[in-house]
């Protein structure tokens, strides 16, 4: 992997071409227009991309762990098998943005811009992520691990969670009316389950788990 400075990386990405196998620690890319660029197997740990425009950008492999994408425009961007641990997306615009097979442990997705949810999170890991007040109404999530994520105040009404993990998730004040959780792993349920899962659609097996959490014997 080739080490480059922030200035060199900025020039490479500004050309809108493909950048492969480069590394830069905490490069300053804030406010730049990187539309149409492609990054393949690059390591840009802690990159400062605040307010940057990544319209149509493709990132395959590599790492953006700890990157600041606050208020960035990620319209039509695609992230495939990227390490996005601890990435901060507060206030970012995710329109037709796609995350596939990404590691997003501890990511901050609170306060995303846009009224309509039009981004995808497929087969990605969002354990310990900050998802407070996120709007996922009518969204379909597939293969997403949300273990220990903070979903307080989130809107998941009529969402469908297929092959997702919700172990030890904080669902305080989460809106779940019509949310289909039959294909989700709810983990070990507590006696608060009837309250936190109120309005959600669950399977018979999950309902039995709720009863057991309440100390009821199902005959």
Protein backbone atom coordinates (compact mmCIF):
# COMPACT_ATOMS: atom_id res chain seq x y z
CA UNK A 1 0.00 0.00 0.00
CA UNK A 2 1.37 3.40 -1.02
CA UNK A 3 1.52 6.15 1.61
CA UNK A 4 0.44 9.61 0.43
CA UNK A 5 -0.02 12.99 2.05
CA UNK A 6 -3.41 14.61 2.46
CA UNK A 7 -2.59 17.10 -0.29
CA UNK A 8 -1.56 14.33 -2.71
CA UNK A 9 -4.72 12.35 -1.91
CA UNK A 10 -6.86 15.45 -2.39
CA UNK A 11 -5.37 15.95 -5.85
CA UNK A 12 -5.87 12.30 -6.82
CA UNK A 13 -9.49 12.24 -5.71
CA UNK A 14 -10.24 15.63 -7.20
CA UNK A 15 -9.56 14.22 -10.65
CA UNK A 16 -12.61 11.95 -10.27
CA UNK A 17 -10.71 8.84 -11.31
CA UNK A 18 -9.85 5.59 -9.53
CA UNK A 19 -7.43 5.51 -6.61
CA UNK A 20 -6.09 2.13 -5.52
CA UNK A 21 -4.01 0.87 -2.60
CA UNK A 22 -3.14 4.21 -1.02
CA UNK A 23 -2.95 5.07 2.67
CA UNK A 24 -3.17 8.35 4.54
CA UNK A 25 -3.72 9.00 8.24
CA UNK A 26 -6.30 11.66 9.08
CA UNK A 27 -6.18 13.34 5.65
CA UNK A 28 -7.87 16.74 5.49
CA UNK A 29 -10.52 16.48 2.75
CA UNK A 30 -13.21 18.60 4.32
CA UNK A 31 -15.46 20.55 1.98
CA UNK A 32 -13.97 19.03 -1.18
CA UNK A 33 -15.98 17.91 -4.20
CA UNK A 34 -14.97 14.29 -4.83
CA UNK A 35 -17.90 13.41 -7.08
CA UNK A 36 -17.47 10.31 -9.21
CA UNK A 37 -14.22 9.14 -7.63
CA UNK A 38 -13.54 5.46 -6.88
CA UNK A 39 -11.43 4.20 -3.98
CA UNK A 40 -10.32 0.57 -3.97
CA UNK A 41 -8.62 -0.98 -0.93
CA UNK A 42 -7.52 2.38 0.46
CA UNK A 43 -6.83 3.08 4.13
CA UNK A 44 -7.93 6.59 5.09
CA UNK A 45 -8.21 6.26 8.85
CA UNK A 46 -9.73 9.30 10.52
CA UNK A 47 -10.27 11.16 7.24
CA UNK A 48 -11.84 14.62 7.67
CA UNK A 49 -14.65 14.67 5.10
CA UNK A 50 -16.89 17.19 6.83
CA UNK A 51 -19.12 18.90 4.30
CA UNK A 52 -17.48 17.05 1.41
CA UNK A 53 -19.45 16.11 -1.71
CA UNK A 54 -19.17 12.39 -2.48
CA UNK A 55 -21.91 12.24 -5.10
CA UNK A 56 -21.61 8.93 -6.96
CA UNK A 57 -18.43 7.91 -5.15
CA UNK A 58 -17.64 4.19 -4.93
CA UNK A 59 -15.55 2.82 -2.06
CA UNK A 60 -14.57 -0.86 -2.21
CA UNK A 61 -12.65 -2.51 0.59
CA UNK A 62 -10.16 -0.69 2.74
CA UNK A 63 -10.92 1.50 5.74
CA UNK A 64 -12.49 4.82 6.62
CA UNK A 65 -12.54 3.97 10.32
CA UNK A 66 -13.07 7.03 12.48
CA UNK A 67 -13.79 9.24 9.48
CA UNK A 68 -15.75 12.47 9.90
CA UNK A 69 -18.55 12.59 7.33
CA UNK A 70 -20.55 15.20 9.22
CA UNK A 71 -22.82 17.17 6.85
CA UNK A 72 -21.31 15.37 3.85
CA UNK A 73 -23.32 14.75 0.67
CA UNK A 74 -23.27 10.98 -0.02
CA UNK A 75 -25.92 11.00 -2.74
CA UNK A 76 -25.71 7.81 -4.84
CA UNK A 77 -22.49 6.75 -3.11
CA UNK A 78 -21.72 3.04 -2.68
CA UNK A 79 -19.66 1.48 0.12
CA UNK A 80 -18.79 -2.20 -0.33
CA UNK A 81 -16.96 -4.23 2.35
CA UNK A 82 -15.51 -1.09 3.92
CA UNK A 83 -14.44 -0.69 7.55
CA UNK A 84 -16.54 2.26 8.70
CA UNK A 85 -16.12 1.69 12.42
CA UNK A 86 -16.74 4.82 14.50
CA UNK A 87 -17.55 6.85 11.39
CA UNK A 88 -19.59 9.97 12.14
CA UNK A 89 -22.44 10.61 9.70
CA UNK A 90 -24.28 13.22 11.75
CA UNK A 91 -26.18 15.53 9.42
CA UNK A 92 -25.02 13.67 6.29
CA UNK A 93 -27.25 13.43 3.23
CA UNK A 94 -27.85 9.77 2.35
CA UNK A 95 -29.93 9.70 -0.82
CA UNK A 96 -29.73 6.40 -2.73
CA UNK A 97 -26.60 5.64 -0.69
CA UNK A 98 -25.70 1.95 -0.37
CA UNK A 99 -23.78 0.18 2.38
CA UNK A 100 -23.09 -3.50 1.66
CA UNK A 101 -21.08 -5.90 3.85
CA UNK A 102 -19.66 -2.97 5.81
CA UNK A 103 -18.27 -2.94 9.35
CA UNK A 104 -19.94 0.02 11.06
CA UNK A 105 -19.37 -0.76 14.73
CA UNK A 106 -19.85 2.36 16.85
CA UNK A 107 -20.94 4.47 13.87
CA UNK A 108 -22.99 7.62 14.52
CA UNK A 109 -25.99 7.94 12.20
CA UNK A 110 -27.99 10.35 14.34
CA UNK A 111 -29.48 13.45 12.73
CA UNK A 112 -29.27 12.38 9.08
CA UNK A 113 -30.64 14.86 6.54
CA UNK A 114 -33.52 14.24 4.15
CA UNK A 115 -37.19 13.52 4.68
CA UNK A 116 -37.38 10.27 2.72
CA UNK A 117 -35.26 7.27 3.65
CA UNK A 118 -33.65 6.10 0.45
CA UNK A 119 -30.41 4.50 1.58
CA UNK A 120 -29.69 0.79 2.03
CA UNK A 121 -27.87 -1.11 4.74
CA UNK A 122 -27.37 -4.73 3.66
CA UNK A 123 -25.38 -7.39 5.55
CA UNK A 124 -23.59 -4.75 7.59
CA UNK A 125 -22.59 -4.68 11.27
CA UNK A 126 -23.83 -1.72 13.32
CA UNK A 127 -23.13 -3.03 16.79
CA UNK A 128 -22.90 -0.24 19.41
CA UNK A 129 -23.98 2.30 16.78
CA UNK A 130 -25.70 5.55 17.73
CA UNK A 131 -29.03 5.40 15.91
CA UNK A 132 -30.99 7.74 18.13
CA UNK A 133 -34.05 9.21 16.40
CA UNK A 134 -33.11 7.58 13.08
CA UNK A 135 -36.06 7.37 10.67
CA UNK A 136 -36.37 3.87 9.21
CA UNK A 137 -40.09 3.91 8.55
CA UNK A 138 -41.08 1.29 5.91
CA UNK A 139 -37.40 0.44 5.39
CA UNK A 140 -36.31 -3.15 4.75
CA UNK A 141 -33.08 -4.18 6.49
CA UNK A 142 -31.41 -7.44 5.49
CA UNK A 143 -28.70 -9.20 7.46
CA UNK A 144 -27.92 -6.20 9.66
CA UNK A 145 -26.36 -6.77 13.09
CA UNK A 146 -27.63 -4.11 15.49
CA UNK A 147 -26.36 -5.71 18.69
CA UNK A 148 -26.16 -3.19 21.55
CA UNK A 149 -27.08 -0.31 19.24
CA UNK A 150 -28.86 2.77 20.61
CA UNK A 151 -32.24 3.04 18.88
CA UNK A 152 -33.86 5.35 21.40
CA UNK A 153 -36.56 7.44 19.78
CA UNK A 154 -36.08 5.80 16.38
CA UNK A 155 -38.99 5.42 13.95
CA UNK A 156 -39.23 1.83 12.68
CA UNK A 157 -42.94 1.85 11.92
CA UNK A 158 -43.78 -0.69 9.19
CA UNK A 159 -40.11 -1.55 8.76
CA UNK A 160 -39.13 -5.12 7.89
CA UNK A 161 -36.07 -6.64 9.55
CA UNK A 162 -34.96 -9.86 7.88
CA UNK A 163 -32.08 -11.93 9.31
CA UNK A 164 -31.21 -9.00 11.59
CA UNK A 165 -29.84 -9.15 15.13
CA UNK A 166 -31.37 -6.97 17.85
CA UNK A 167 -29.60 -8.39 20.89
CA UNK A 168 -29.34 -5.95 23.81
CA UNK A 169 -30.62 -3.06 21.69
CA UNK A 170 -31.92 0.02 23.51
CA UNK A 171 -35.49 0.40 22.20
CA UNK A 172 -36.61 3.05 24.68
CA UNK A 173 -39.34 5.18 23.05
CA UNK A 174 -38.73 3.47 19.70
CA UNK A 175 -41.80 3.50 17.45
CA UNK A 176 -42.43 -0.05 16.27
CA UNK A 177 -46.06 -0.02 15.16
CA UNK A 178 -46.36 -2.47 12.27
CA UNK A 179 -42.64 -3.30 12.32
CA UNK A 180 -42.10 -6.88 11.17
CA UNK A 181 -39.56 -8.45 13.52
CA UNK A 182 -40.40 -12.07 12.78
CA UNK A 183 -37.13 -12.53 10.93
CA UNK A 184 -35.02 -10.87 13.63
CA UNK A 185 -33.00 -12.30 16.51
CA UNK A 186 -34.32 -10.46 19.56
CA UNK A 187 -31.86 -12.05 21.94
CA UNK A 188 -32.73 -12.65 25.58
CA UNK A 189 -35.88 -10.70 26.38
CA UNK A 190 -36.54 -8.92 29.66
CA UNK A 191 -39.81 -8.26 31.44
CA UNK A 192 -39.87 -4.88 29.66
CA UNK A 193 -40.38 -6.63 26.30
CA UNK A 194 -44.17 -6.09 26.13
CA UNK A 195 -43.60 -2.35 26.46
CA UNK A 196 -40.55 -1.95 24.20
CA UNK A 197 -41.99 -4.22 21.48
CA UNK A 198 -45.48 -2.76 21.61
CA UNK A 199 -47.08 -2.63 18.15
CA UNK A 200 -44.45 -4.83 16.49
CA UNK A 201 -45.27 -8.01 14.57
CA UNK A 202 -43.51 -11.00 16.13
CA UNK A 203 -43.63 -14.75 15.58
CA UNK A 204 -45.28 -17.31 17.84
CA UNK A 205 -41.87 -18.43 19.06
CA UNK A 206 -40.92 -14.85 19.92
CA UNK A 207 -44.26 -14.37 21.69
CA UNK A 208 -43.47 -17.44 23.79
CA UNK A 209 -40.12 -15.88 24.69
CA UNK A 210 -41.96 -12.75 25.83
CA UNK A 211 -44.19 -14.86 28.04
CA UNK A 212 -41.21 -16.64 29.55
CA UNK A 213 -39.59 -13.26 30.25
CA UNK A 214 -42.71 -12.39 32.23
CA UNK A 215 -42.52 -15.62 34.17
CA UNK A 216 -45.57 -17.09 32.45
CA UNK A 217 -45.88 -20.76 31.62
CA UNK A 218 -47.23 -21.39 28.13
CA UNK A 219 -49.25 -24.62 27.97
